Amino acid sequence: MTDAATKNEPPAELPPPKKADKSKHFAFDHAVFQVKGAYFGFGKDGDTVCLHVPLGDIMAAVPLDAVLVQFKIEKDSEDSKLLDVVQKSMKYVKRIEPGDSIPAEILDGTASWRVEPHHVARANARISMSIISWMSGKPVEFGDAHQLEAMANNPETKKKVQEAFELLAEKLGLGRANKNQVVDKIEQLAKESAYIEALRERYADIQKLYSGFNVLFLAYKRERGVQEEIGRIRILMKKPVDDIANILLQIDANTGEVFNVLKRLPEVIGYIRDQRDDLHQRFMLWDDILPAWKNVPMEREGRVDRLVRTTYRFVARHFPQDSEWSLTR
């Protein structure tokens, strides 16, 4: 269906409003929000949050400000307040249907998306190596995530970490007998940090795509037009890819010293959640393009030609740059 002008009126016959907890759900009262198929999402510009509602054979996209006027919703009404929540919630989700739960980020600061068990295991491994570093007074170097987990799962490492709990409890002023309080704090930290590990994994997919364009640049050396487009993609991708890398490095720097982290755990958890939400919002953009490249070989073929054009439109829209960036990668 296509977008229509905001002047369209809703259908005459509407179902009765849904009943839900307004404190946790998008439980609107006005009949327009009960139209089957209605949802909130971004408009054609990709930035404006709109109410998308079927009107006959067309789908109207009405900006939220216009919704108040068009459907005579009072500014101090509960529906108006919920529309404000919709506006804020679109930082975390791409689509909201009336009756949906309000994102957890809005309600209590937790994440509305899930992590896998291996993300939690990886977060625990990173914390374990931080504990080892704190005990030895020396930084611990490791390579990729698999090496990190292998080091943390070493029996000798596990033994040292267990021994460290009592010492940490003493240093934190809890007393050696209360090492379980340290364990609880570490579990809280691992639970929050698991989201960063999941985002780190998603970043690896972006890095892989970015590196793939270096391969394609050489593969298309005899097709000047396509090669130039690939070159522009590399230029436009460089800054957002570097920005994410720098955020992850900053997170590691601010959460890597386990003793200092445990001393101010609530503050650190707040910081991790802020960075988690920032990264998640950045990655939501990439969800539009990464699936298209999944399992696509980085070689010269018609399918790749089409994907190059699609990707160029994507990066040009989301990451426009006024200056040229070096193509050193």
C-alpha atoms as a PDB file:
ATOM      1  CA  MET A   1       0.000   0.000   0.000  1.00  0.00           C
ATOM      2  CA  THR A   2       1.043   3.618  -0.476  1.00  0.00           C
ATOM      3  CA  ASP A   3       1.139   6.579   1.900  1.00  0.00           C
ATOM      4  CA  ALA A   4      -1.767   8.986   1.780  1.00  0.00           C
ATOM      5  CA  ALA A   5      -2.207  12.601   2.786  1.00  0.00           C
ATOM      6  CA  THR A   6      -3.143  13.265   6.380  1.00  0.00           C
ATOM      7  CA  LYS A   7      -6.560  14.670   5.351  1.00  0.00           C
ATOM      8  CA  ASN A   8      -8.052  11.162   5.062  1.00  0.00           C
ATOM      9  CA  GLU A   9     -10.623  10.288   7.710  1.00  0.00           C
ATOM     10  CA  PRO A  10     -10.709   6.959   9.601  1.00  0.00           C
ATOM     11  CA  PRO A  11     -13.346   4.315   8.774  1.00  0.00           C
ATOM     12  CA  ALA A  12     -16.771   4.888  10.308  1.00  0.00           C
ATOM     13  CA  GLU A  13     -17.052   1.515  12.059  1.00  0.00           C
ATOM     14  CA  LEU A  14     -14.379   0.747  14.618  1.00  0.00           C
ATOM     15  CA  PRO A  15     -13.937  -2.042  17.174  1.00  0.00           C
ATOM     16  CA  PRO A  16     -14.117  -1.208  20.900  1.00  0.00           C
ATOM     17  CA  PRO A  17     -10.845  -0.078  22.560  1.00  0.00           C
ATOM     18  CA  LYS A  18      -8.504  -2.749  23.924  1.00  0.00           C
ATOM     19  CA  LYS A  19      -8.015  -2.999  27.669  1.00  0.00           C
ATOM     20  CA  ALA A  20      -4.444  -3.044  28.973  1.00  0.00           C
ATOM     21  CA  ASP A  21      -2.266  -1.649  31.739  1.00  0.00           C
ATOM     22  CA  LYS A  22      -1.456   1.899  30.628  1.00  0.00           C
ATOM     23  CA  SER A  23       1.662   1.984  32.778  1.00  0.00           C
ATOM     24  CA  LYS A  24       3.227  -0.893  30.829  1.00  0.00           C
ATOM     25  CA  HIS A  25       1.408  -1.019  27.503  1.00  0.00           C
ATOM     26  CA  PHE A  26       0.451   1.320  24.691  1.00  0.00           C
ATOM     27  CA  ALA A  27      -3.198   1.184  25.734  1.00  0.00           C
ATOM     28  CA  PHE A  28      -4.842   4.016  23.803  1.00  0.00           C
ATOM     29  CA  ASP A  29      -8.453   5.111  24.211  1.00  0.00           C
ATOM     30  CA  HIS A  30      -9.158   6.884  20.914  1.00  0.00           C
ATOM     31  CA  ALA A  31     -10.842   4.734  18.285  1.00  0.00           C
ATOM     32  CA  VAL A  32      -8.271   5.515  15.578  1.00  0.00           C
ATOM     33  CA  PHE A  33      -5.675   3.461  17.451  1.00  0.00           C
ATOM     34  CA  GLN A  34      -8.007   0.446  17.373  1.00  0.00           C
ATOM     35  CA  VAL A  35      -8.146   0.247  13.586  1.00  0.00           C
ATOM     36  CA  LYS A  36      -6.939  -3.181  12.506  1.00  0.00           C
ATOM     37  CA  GLY A  37      -3.450  -2.929  11.027  1.00  0.00           C
ATOM     38  CA  ALA A  38      -2.591   0.422  12.632  1.00  0.00           C
ATOM     39  CA  TYR A  39       0.965   0.803  13.873  1.00  0.00           C
ATOM     40  CA  PHE A  40       3.622   3.407  14.650  1.00  0.00           C
ATOM     41  CA  GLY A  41       6.738   3.528  12.526  1.00  0.00           C
ATOM     42  CA  PHE A  42       8.966   5.907  10.648  1.00  0.00           C
ATOM     43  CA  GLY A  43       7.758   7.812   7.620  1.00  0.00           C
ATOM     44  CA  LYS A  44       9.318   7.873   4.178  1.00  0.00           C
ATOM     45  CA  ASP A  45      12.074  10.215   5.361  1.00  0.00           C
ATOM     46  CA  GLY A  46      13.218   7.597   7.882  1.00  0.00           C
ATOM     47  CA  ASP A  47      13.196  10.146  10.705  1.00  0.00           C
ATOM     48  CA  THR A  48       9.616  11.243  11.377  1.00  0.00           C
ATOM     49  CA  VAL A  49       7.572   8.958  13.635  1.00  0.00           C
ATOM     50  CA  CYS A  50       4.116   8.417  12.142  1.00  0.00           C
ATOM     51  CA  LEU A  51       0.898   6.599  12.854  1.00  0.00           C
ATOM     52  CA  HIS A  52       0.357   4.280   9.899  1.00  0.00           C
ATOM     53  CA  VAL A  53      -3.328   3.494   9.593  1.00  0.00           C
ATOM     54  CA  PRO A  54      -5.333   1.739   6.837  1.00  0.00           C
ATOM     55  CA  LEU A  55      -7.913   3.994   5.249  1.00  0.00           C
ATOM     56  CA  GLY A  56      -9.854   1.966   2.736  1.00  0.00           C
ATOM     57  CA  ASP A  57      -7.415   0.686   0.117  1.00  0.00           C
ATOM     58  CA  ILE A  58      -4.551   2.928   1.163  1.00  0.00           C
ATOM     59  CA  MET A  59      -2.222   3.278   4.150  1.00  0.00           C
ATOM     60  CA  ALA A  60      -1.988   6.775   5.590  1.00  0.00           C
ATOM     61  CA  ALA A  61       1.174   7.900   7.394  1.00  0.00           C
ATOM     62  CA  VAL A  62       0.278  10.649   9.875  1.00  0.00           C
ATOM     63  CA  PRO A  63       3.083  12.388  11.843  1.00  0.00           C
ATOM     64  CA  LEU A  64       2.478  12.276  15.593  1.00  0.00           C
ATOM     65  CA  ASP A  65       1.974  16.043  15.867  1.00  0.00           C
ATOM     66  CA  ALA A  66      -0.677  15.829  13.172  1.00  0.00           C
ATOM     67  CA  VAL A  67      -2.350  12.892  14.922  1.00  0.00           C
ATOM     68  CA  LEU A  68      -3.238  15.180  17.836  1.00  0.00           C
ATOM     69  CA  VAL A  69      -4.841  17.725  15.522  1.00  0.00           C
ATOM     70  CA  GLN A  70      -6.357  15.377  12.939  1.00  0.00           C
ATOM     71  CA  PHE A  71      -8.108  13.176  15.477  1.00  0.00           C
ATOM     72  CA  LYS A  72      -8.814  15.904  18.065  1.00  0.00           C
ATOM     73  CA  ILE A  73      -6.772  14.365  20.864  1.00  0.00           C
ATOM     74  CA  GLU A  74      -6.404  16.700  23.845  1.00  0.00           C
ATOM     75  CA  LYS A  75      -2.785  17.579  24.641  1.00  0.00           C
ATOM     76  CA  ASP A  76      -3.138  16.752  28.340  1.00  0.00           C
ATOM     77  CA  SER A  77      -4.950  13.448  27.724  1.00  0.00           C
ATOM     78  CA  GLU A  78      -3.586   9.988  28.464  1.00  0.00           C
ATOM     79  CA  ASP A  79      -3.417   9.269  24.717  1.00  0.00           C
ATOM     80  CA  SER A  80      -1.298  12.379  24.213  1.00  0.00           C
ATOM     81  CA  LYS A  81       1.074  11.258  26.964  1.00  0.00           C
ATOM     82  CA  LEU A  82       1.325   7.821  25.370  1.00  0.00           C
ATOM     83  CA  LEU A  83       2.192   9.419  22.031  1.00  0.00           C
ATOM     84  CA  ASP A  84       5.130  11.092  23.787  1.00  0.00           C
ATOM     85  CA  VAL A  85       6.185   7.642  24.999  1.00  0.00           C
ATOM     86  CA  VAL A  86       5.861   6.320  21.437  1.00  0.00           C
ATOM     87  CA  GLN A  87       8.207   9.075  20.231  1.00  0.00           C
ATOM     88  CA  LYS A  88      10.814   8.127  22.845  1.00  0.00           C
ATOM     89  CA  SER A  89      10.335   4.398  22.306  1.00  0.00           C
ATOM     90  CA  MET A  90      11.155   4.547  18.602  1.00  0.00           C
ATOM     91  CA  LYS A  91      14.798   4.911  19.617  1.00  0.00           C
ATOM     92  CA  TYR A  92      14.657   1.264  20.670  1.00  0.00           C
ATOM     93  CA  VAL A  93      12.222  -0.417  18.260  1.00  0.00           C
ATOM     94  CA  LYS A  94      11.235   0.084  14.635  1.00  0.00           C
ATOM     95  CA  ARG A  95       7.540  -0.644  14.941  1.00  0.00           C
ATOM     96  CA  ILE A  96       4.930  -0.320  17.695  1.00  0.00           C
ATOM     97  CA  GLU A  97       1.375  -1.575  17.544  1.00  0.00           C
ATOM     98  CA  PRO A  98      -1.316  -0.262  19.900  1.00  0.00           C
ATOM     99  CA  GLY A  99      -1.475  -2.695  22.800  1.00  0.00           C
ATOM    100  CA  ASP A 100       2.236  -3.575  22.618  1.00  0.00           C
ATOM    101  CA  SER A 101       4.348  -3.460  25.751  1.00  0.00           C
ATOM    102  CA  ILE A 102       6.287  -0.256  26.346  1.00  0.00           C
ATOM    103  CA  PRO A 103      10.013  -0.977  25.782  1.00  0.00           C
ATOM    104  CA  ALA A 104      11.848  -1.982  28.938  1.00  0.00           C
ATOM    105  CA  GLU A 105      14.399   0.785  28.334  1.00  0.00           C
ATOM    106  CA  ILE A 106      11.624   3.299  29.018  1.00  0.00           C
ATOM    107  CA  LEU A 107      10.132   1.453  31.998  1.00  0.00           C
ATOM    108  CA  ASP A 108      13.148   0.452  34.071  1.00  0.00           C
ATOM    109  CA  GLY A 109      16.317   0.878  32.022  1.00  0.00           C
ATOM    110  CA  THR A 110      16.772  -2.796  31.182  1.00  0.00           C
ATOM    111  CA  ALA A 111      16.978  -3.934  27.562  1.00  0.00           C
ATOM    112  CA  SER A 112      13.914  -4.915  25.535  1.00  0.00           C
ATOM    113  CA  TRP A 113      15.971  -7.377  23.479  1.00  0.00           C
ATOM    114  CA  ARG A 114      17.591 -10.606  24.580  1.00  0.00           C
ATOM    115  CA  VAL A 115      21.104 -11.961  24.698  1.00  0.00           C
ATOM    116  CA  GLU A 116      22.228 -15.545  24.215  1.00  0.00           C
ATOM    117  CA  PRO A 117      23.838 -17.727  26.905  1.00  0.00           C
ATOM    118  CA  HIS A 118      27.224 -17.459  25.202  1.00  0.00           C
ATOM    119  CA  HIS A 119      27.098 -13.672  25.562  1.00  0.00           C
ATOM    120  CA  VAL A 120      26.693 -14.062  29.328  1.00  0.00           C
ATOM    121  CA  ALA A 121      29.532 -16.611  29.369  1.00  0.00           C
ATOM    122  CA  ARG A 122      31.735 -14.212  27.438  1.00  0.00           C
ATOM    123  CA  ALA A 123      30.938 -11.358  29.827  1.00  0.00           C
ATOM    124  CA  ASN A 124      31.831 -13.578  32.779  1.00  0.00           C
ATOM    125  CA  ALA A 125      35.070 -14.558  31.053  1.00  0.00           C
ATOM    126  CA  ARG A 126      36.016 -10.916  30.516  1.00  0.00           C
ATOM    127  CA  ILE A 127      35.312 -10.142  34.186  1.00  0.00           C
ATOM    128  CA  SER A 128      37.342 -13.183  35.284  1.00  0.00           C
ATOM    129  CA  MET A 129      40.340 -11.980  33.322  1.00  0.00           C
ATOM    130  CA  SER A 130      39.876  -8.515  34.817  1.00  0.00           C
ATOM    131  CA  ILE A 131      40.025 -10.119  38.272  1.00  0.00           C
ATOM    132  CA  ILE A 132      43.228 -11.952  37.321  1.00  0.00           C
ATOM    133  CA  SER A 133      44.699  -8.672  36.112  1.00  0.00           C
ATOM    134  CA  TRP A 134      43.729  -6.940  39.373  1.00  0.00           C
ATOM    135  CA  MET A 135      45.353  -9.670  41.461  1.00  0.00           C
ATOM    136  CA  SER A 136      48.590  -9.736  39.476  1.00  0.00           C
ATOM    137  CA  GLY A 137      48.805  -6.002  38.895  1.00  0.00           C
ATOM    138  CA  LYS A 138      49.511  -6.693  35.228  1.00  0.00           C
ATOM    139  CA  PRO A 139      47.277  -6.337  32.160  1.00  0.00           C
ATOM    140  CA  VAL A 140      46.116  -9.638  30.688  1.00  0.00           C
ATOM    141  CA  GLU A 141      46.319  -9.863  26.925  1.00  0.00           C
ATOM    142  CA  PHE A 142      44.082 -12.118  24.896  1.00  0.00           C
ATOM    143  CA  GLY A 143      43.056 -12.352  21.263  1.00  0.00           C
ATOM    144  CA  ASP A 144      39.552 -13.078  20.068  1.00  0.00           C
ATOM    145  CA  ALA A 145      36.502 -14.092  22.074  1.00  0.00           C
ATOM    146  CA  HIS A 146      37.318 -17.798  21.856  1.00  0.00           C
ATOM    147  CA  GLN A 147      40.775 -17.241  23.319  1.00  0.00           C
ATOM    148  CA  LEU A 148      39.233 -15.110  26.060  1.00  0.00           C
ATOM    149  CA  GLU A 149      36.826 -17.876  27.052  1.00  0.00           C
ATOM    150  CA  ALA A 150      39.554 -20.525  26.865  1.00  0.00           C
ATOM    151  CA  MET A 151      41.765 -18.540  29.248  1.00  0.00           C
ATOM    152  CA  ALA A 152      38.900 -17.881  31.667  1.00  0.00           C
ATOM    153  CA  ASN A 153      37.882 -21.560  31.684  1.00  0.00           C
ATOM    154  CA  ASN A 154      41.375 -22.743  32.527  1.00  0.00           C
ATOM    155  CA  PRO A 155      41.154 -24.607  35.892  1.00  0.00           C
ATOM    156  CA  GLU A 156      44.031 -22.576  37.340  1.00  0.00           C
ATOM    157  CA  THR A 157      42.306 -19.348  36.336  1.00  0.00           C
ATOM    158  CA  LYS A 158      39.042 -20.466  37.916  1.00  0.00           C
ATOM    159  CA  LYS A 159      40.865 -21.302  41.148  1.00  0.00           C
ATOM    160  CA  LYS A 160      42.503 -17.874  41.294  1.00  0.00           C
ATOM    161  CA  VAL A 161      39.205 -16.130  40.629  1.00  0.00           C
ATOM    162  CA  GLN A 162      37.539 -18.034  43.473  1.00  0.00           C
ATOM    163  CA  GLU A 163      40.377 -17.051  45.787  1.00  0.00           C
ATOM    164  CA  ALA A 164      39.989 -13.432  44.734  1.00  0.00           C
ATOM    165  CA  PHE A 165      36.386 -13.181  45.937  1.00  0.00           C
ATOM    166  CA  GLU A 166      37.386 -13.052  49.609  1.00  0.00           C
ATOM    167  CA  LEU A 167      40.112 -10.510  48.927  1.00  0.00           C
ATOM    168  CA  LEU A 168      37.741  -8.335  46.920  1.00  0.00           C
ATOM    169  CA  ALA A 169      35.180  -8.534  49.730  1.00  0.00           C
ATOM    170  CA  GLU A 170      37.809  -7.386  52.206  1.00  0.00           C
ATOM    171  CA  LYS A 171      39.035  -4.533  50.007  1.00  0.00           C
ATOM    172  CA  LEU A 172      35.461  -3.393  49.412  1.00  0.00           C
ATOM    173  CA  GLY A 173      34.872  -3.242  53.167  1.00  0.00           C
ATOM    174  CA  LEU A 174      32.412  -6.110  53.176  1.00  0.00           C
ATOM    175  CA  GLY A 175      34.559  -8.548  55.134  1.00  0.00           C
ATOM    176  CA  ARG A 176      36.011 -11.790  53.825  1.00  0.00           C
ATOM    177  CA  ALA A 177      33.065 -13.779  55.179  1.00  0.00           C
ATOM    178  CA  ASN A 178      30.747 -11.865  52.834  1.00  0.00           C
ATOM    179  CA  LYS A 179      32.352 -12.921  49.569  1.00  0.00           C
ATOM    180  CA  ASN A 180      28.885 -13.934  48.325  1.00  0.00           C
ATOM    181  CA  GLN A 181      28.067 -10.232  48.100  1.00  0.00           C
ATOM    182  CA  VAL A 182      30.964  -9.877  45.682  1.00  0.00           C
ATOM    183  CA  VAL A 183      29.668 -12.810  43.675  1.00  0.00           C
ATOM    184  CA  ASP A 184      26.247 -11.133  43.510  1.00  0.00           C
ATOM    185  CA  LYS A 185      27.811  -7.893  42.277  1.00  0.00           C
ATOM    186  CA  ILE A 186      29.787  -9.730  39.615  1.00  0.00           C
ATOM    187  CA  GLU A 187      26.644 -11.527  38.465  1.00  0.00           C
ATOM    188  CA  GLN A 188      24.900  -8.155  38.110  1.00  0.00           C
ATOM    189  CA  LEU A 189      27.843  -6.782  36.154  1.00  0.00           C
ATOM    190  CA  ALA A 190      27.960  -9.837  33.873  1.00  0.00           C
ATOM    191  CA  LYS A 191      24.220  -9.601  33.224  1.00  0.00           C
ATOM    192  CA  GLU A 192      24.558  -6.002  32.030  1.00  0.00           C
ATOM    193  CA  SER A 193      27.851  -6.565  30.205  1.00  0.00           C
ATOM    194  CA  ALA A 194      26.379  -9.478  28.238  1.00  0.00           C
ATOM    195  CA  TYR A 195      24.531  -6.926  26.113  1.00  0.00           C
ATOM    196  CA  ILE A 196      27.817  -5.270  25.202  1.00  0.00           C
ATOM    197  CA  GLU A 197      29.185  -8.680  24.204  1.00  0.00           C
ATOM    198  CA  ALA A 198      26.151  -9.234  21.971  1.00  0.00           C
ATOM    199  CA  LEU A 199      26.658  -5.817  20.384  1.00  0.00           C
ATOM    200  CA  ARG A 200      30.355  -6.543  19.953  1.00  0.00           C
ATOM    201  CA  GLU A 201      29.344  -9.629  17.989  1.00  0.00           C
ATOM    202  CA  ARG A 202      27.022  -7.595  15.789  1.00  0.00           C
ATOM    203  CA  TYR A 203      29.816  -5.117  15.199  1.00  0.00           C
ATOM    204  CA  ALA A 204      31.955  -7.969  13.880  1.00  0.00           C
ATOM    205  CA  ASP A 205      29.365  -8.444  11.111  1.00  0.00           C
ATOM    206  CA  ILE A 206      29.698  -4.778  10.145  1.00  0.00           C
ATOM    207  CA  GLN A 207      33.487  -5.050  10.166  1.00  0.00           C
ATOM    208  CA  LYS A 208      33.277  -8.126   7.962  1.00  0.00           C
ATOM    209  CA  LEU A 209      31.141  -6.268   5.441  1.00  0.00           C
ATOM    210  CA  TYR A 210      33.470  -3.265   5.534  1.00  0.00           C
ATOM    211  CA  SER A 211      36.505  -5.465   4.907  1.00  0.00           C
ATOM    212  CA  GLY A 212      34.611  -7.225   2.135  1.00  0.00           C
ATOM    213  CA  PHE A 213      34.416  -4.004   0.156  1.00  0.00           C
ATOM    214  CA  ASN A 214      38.213  -3.928   0.084  1.00  0.00           C
ATOM    215  CA  VAL A 215      38.070  -7.304  -1.657  1.00  0.00           C
ATOM    216  CA  LEU A 216      35.370  -6.135  -4.041  1.00  0.00           C
ATOM    217  CA  PHE A 217      37.320  -2.971  -4.860  1.00  0.00           C
ATOM    218  CA  LEU A 218      40.048  -5.151  -6.349  1.00  0.00           C
ATOM    219  CA  ALA A 219      37.621  -7.607  -7.922  1.00  0.00           C
ATOM    220  CA  TYR A 220      35.967  -4.824  -9.914  1.00  0.00           C
ATOM    221  CA  LYS A 221      39.153  -3.149 -11.109  1.00  0.00           C
ATOM    222  CA  ARG A 222      38.070  -3.629 -14.750  1.00  0.00           C
ATOM    223  CA  GLU A 223      34.639  -2.106 -14.184  1.00  0.00           C
ATOM    224  CA  ARG A 224      35.417   1.480 -13.391  1.00  0.00           C
ATOM    225  CA  GLY A 225      31.868   2.578 -12.592  1.00  0.00           C
ATOM    226  CA  VAL A 226      31.177  -0.176 -10.055  1.00  0.00           C
ATOM    227  CA  GLN A 227      34.643   0.169  -8.549  1.00  0.00           C
ATOM    228  CA  GLU A 228      34.134   3.896  -8.006  1.00  0.00           C
ATOM    229  CA  GLU A 229      30.815   3.193  -6.268  1.00  0.00           C
ATOM    230  CA  ILE A 230      32.538   0.642  -4.010  1.00  0.00           C
ATOM    231  CA  GLY A 231      35.187   3.245  -3.257  1.00  0.00           C
ATOM    232  CA  ARG A 232      32.535   5.737  -2.199  1.00  0.00           C
ATOM    233  CA  ILE A 233      30.938   3.092   0.040  1.00  0.00           C
ATOM    234  CA  ARG A 234      34.282   2.515   1.758  1.00  0.00           C
ATOM    235  CA  ILE A 235      34.701   6.242   2.304  1.00  0.00           C
ATOM    236  CA  LEU A 236      31.231   6.676   3.789  1.00  0.00           C
ATOM    237  CA  MET A 237      31.466   3.543   5.961  1.00  0.00           C
ATOM    238  CA  LYS A 238      34.809   4.397   7.527  1.00  0.00           C
ATOM    239  CA  LYS A 239      33.665   6.972  10.065  1.00  0.00           C
ATOM    240  CA  PRO A 240      30.634   5.095  11.463  1.00  0.00           C
ATOM    241  CA  VAL A 241      32.699   1.890  11.680  1.00  0.00           C
ATOM    242  CA  ASP A 242      35.507   3.731  13.463  1.00  0.00           C
ATOM    243  CA  ASP A 243      33.024   5.461  15.774  1.00  0.00           C
ATOM    244  CA  ILE A 244      31.607   2.132  16.948  1.00  0.00           C
ATOM    245  CA  ALA A 245      35.103   0.733  17.469  1.00  0.00           C
ATOM    246  CA  ASN A 246      36.008   3.741  19.605  1.00  0.00           C
ATOM    247  CA  ILE A 247      32.848   3.375  21.708  1.00  0.00           C
ATOM    248  CA  LEU A 248      33.674  -0.268  22.411  1.00  0.00           C
ATOM    249  CA  LEU A 249      37.251   0.651  23.334  1.00  0.00           C
ATOM    250  CA  GLN A 250      35.953   3.342  25.681  1.00  0.00           C
ATOM    251  CA  ILE A 251      33.577   0.884  27.326  1.00  0.00           C
ATOM    252  CA  ASP A 252      36.445  -1.539  27.895  1.00  0.00           C
ATOM    253  CA  ALA A 253      38.561   1.250  29.361  1.00  0.00           C
ATOM    254  CA  ASN A 254      35.805   2.345  31.746  1.00  0.00           C
ATOM    255  CA  THR A 255      34.760  -1.136  32.881  1.00  0.00           C
ATOM    256  CA  GLY A 256      38.032  -3.063  32.768  1.00  0.00           C
ATOM    257  CA  GLU A 257      39.277  -2.438  36.324  1.00  0.00           C
ATOM    258  CA  VAL A 258      37.098  -4.773  38.344  1.00  0.00           C
ATOM    259  CA  PHE A 259      37.802  -3.327  41.801  1.00  0.00           C
ATOM    260  CA  ASN A 260      36.904   0.231  40.788  1.00  0.00           C
ATOM    261  CA  VAL A 261      33.845  -1.048  38.943  1.00  0.00           C
ATOM    262  CA  LEU A 262      32.545  -2.970  41.962  1.00  0.00           C
ATOM    263  CA  LYS A 263      33.087   0.085  44.203  1.00  0.00           C
ATOM    264  CA  ARG A 264      30.680   2.124  42.105  1.00  0.00           C
ATOM    265  CA  LEU A 265      28.554  -0.590  40.521  1.00  0.00           C
ATOM    266  CA  PRO A 266      25.228   1.325  40.212  1.00  0.00           C
ATOM    267  CA  GLU A 267      27.004   4.161  38.400  1.00  0.00           C
ATOM    268  CA  VAL A 268      28.820   1.725  36.108  1.00  0.00           C
ATOM    269  CA  ILE A 269      25.620  -0.154  35.303  1.00  0.00           C
ATOM    270  CA  GLY A 270      24.012   3.153  34.338  1.00  0.00           C
ATOM    271  CA  TYR A 271      26.982   3.890  32.071  1.00  0.00           C
ATOM    272  CA  ILE A 272      26.827   0.429  30.460  1.00  0.00           C
ATOM    273  CA  ARG A 273      23.112   0.837  29.791  1.00  0.00           C
ATOM    274  CA  ASP A 274      23.636   4.241  28.173  1.00  0.00           C
ATOM    275  CA  GLN A 275      26.332   2.833  25.896  1.00  0.00           C
ATOM    276  CA  ARG A 276      24.225  -0.258  25.204  1.00  0.00           C
ATOM    277  CA  ASP A 277      21.307   1.881  24.052  1.00  0.00           C
ATOM    278  CA  ASP A 278      23.554   4.123  21.956  1.00  0.00           C
ATOM    279  CA  LEU A 279      25.116   1.153  20.165  1.00  0.00           C
ATOM    280  CA  HIS A 280      21.781  -0.595  19.749  1.00  0.00           C
ATOM    281  CA  GLN A 281      20.329   2.472  18.043  1.00  0.00           C
ATOM    282  CA  ARG A 282      23.323   2.618  15.707  1.00  0.00           C
ATOM    283  CA  PHE A 283      22.978  -1.058  14.832  1.00  0.00           C
ATOM    284  CA  MET A 284      19.264  -0.740  14.123  1.00  0.00           C
ATOM    285  CA  LEU A 285      20.242   1.163  10.983  1.00  0.00           C
ATOM    286  CA  TRP A 286      22.480  -1.678   9.830  1.00  0.00           C
ATOM    287  CA  ASP A 287      19.658  -4.178  10.191  1.00  0.00           C
ATOM    288  CA  ASP A 288      18.380  -2.808   6.882  1.00  0.00           C
ATOM    289  CA  ILE A 289      21.457  -3.888   4.933  1.00  0.00           C
ATOM    290  CA  LEU A 290      23.401  -6.645   6.731  1.00  0.00           C
ATOM    291  CA  PRO A 291      20.884  -9.456   6.083  1.00  0.00           C
ATOM    292  CA  ALA A 292      21.082  -8.790   2.343  1.00  0.00           C
ATOM    293  CA  TRP A 293      24.826  -9.567   2.360  1.00  0.00           C
ATOM    294  CA  LYS A 294      24.580 -12.715   4.463  1.00  0.00           C
ATOM    295  CA  ASN A 295      26.277 -15.661   2.727  1.00  0.00           C
ATOM    296  CA  VAL A 296      26.983 -13.556  -0.374  1.00  0.00           C
ATOM    297  CA  PRO A 297      30.509 -14.225  -1.749  1.00  0.00           C
ATOM    298  CA  MET A 298      32.633 -11.131  -2.165  1.00  0.00           C
ATOM    299  CA  GLU A 299      33.269 -11.634  -5.862  1.00  0.00           C
ATOM    300  CA  ARG A 300      32.219 -10.127  -9.156  1.00  0.00           C
ATOM    301  CA  GLU A 301      28.696 -11.181 -10.146  1.00  0.00           C
ATOM    302  CA  GLY A 302      25.312  -9.689 -10.968  1.00  0.00           C
ATOM    303  CA  ARG A 303      23.866 -10.158  -7.501  1.00  0.00           C
ATOM    304  CA  VAL A 304      26.794  -8.268  -5.994  1.00  0.00           C
ATOM    305  CA  ASP A 305      26.371  -5.457  -8.552  1.00  0.00           C
ATOM    306  CA  ARG A 306      22.818  -4.905  -7.300  1.00  0.00           C
ATOM    307  CA  LEU A 307      23.824  -5.098  -3.642  1.00  0.00           C
ATOM    308  CA  VAL A 308      26.583  -2.542  -4.204  1.00  0.00           C
ATOM    309  CA  ARG A 309      24.039  -0.071  -5.552  1.00  0.00           C
ATOM    310  CA  THR A 310      21.665  -0.761  -2.654  1.00  0.00           C
ATOM    311  CA  THR A 311      24.464  -0.384  -0.114  1.00  0.00           C
ATOM    312  CA  TYR A 312      25.638   2.874  -1.622  1.00  0.00           C
ATOM    313  CA  ARG A 313      22.132   4.330  -1.293  1.00  0.00           C
ATOM    314  CA  PHE A 314      22.067   3.094   2.329  1.00  0.00           C
ATOM    315  CA  VAL A 315      25.383   4.654   3.388  1.00  0.00           C
ATOM    316  CA  ALA A 316      24.784   7.852   1.410  1.00  0.00           C
ATOM    317  CA  ARG A 317      21.486   8.328   3.214  1.00  0.00           C
ATOM    318  CA  HIS A 318      22.611   7.476   6.734  1.00  0.00           C
ATOM    319  CA  PHE A 319      26.287   8.470   6.787  1.00  0.00           C
ATOM    320  CA  PRO A 320      26.787  11.439   4.435  1.00  0.00           C
ATOM    321  CA  GLN A 321      30.218  13.055   4.657  1.00  0.00           C
ATOM    322  CA  ASP A 322      31.464  16.420   3.448  1.00  0.00           C
ATOM    323  CA  SER A 323      35.118  15.435   3.531  1.00  0.00           C
ATOM    324  CA  GLU A 324      37.027  12.630   1.861  1.00  0.00           C
ATOM    325  CA  TRP A 325      38.370   9.867   4.084  1.00  0.00           C
ATOM    326  CA  SER A 326      41.517   7.920   3.310  1.00  0.00           C
ATOM    327  CA  LEU A 327      41.077   4.450   1.857  1.00  0.00           C
ATOM    328  CA  THR A 328      43.745   2.717   3.844  1.00  0.00           C
ATOM    329  CA  ARG A 329      41.755  -0.285   4.949  1.00  0.00           C
END
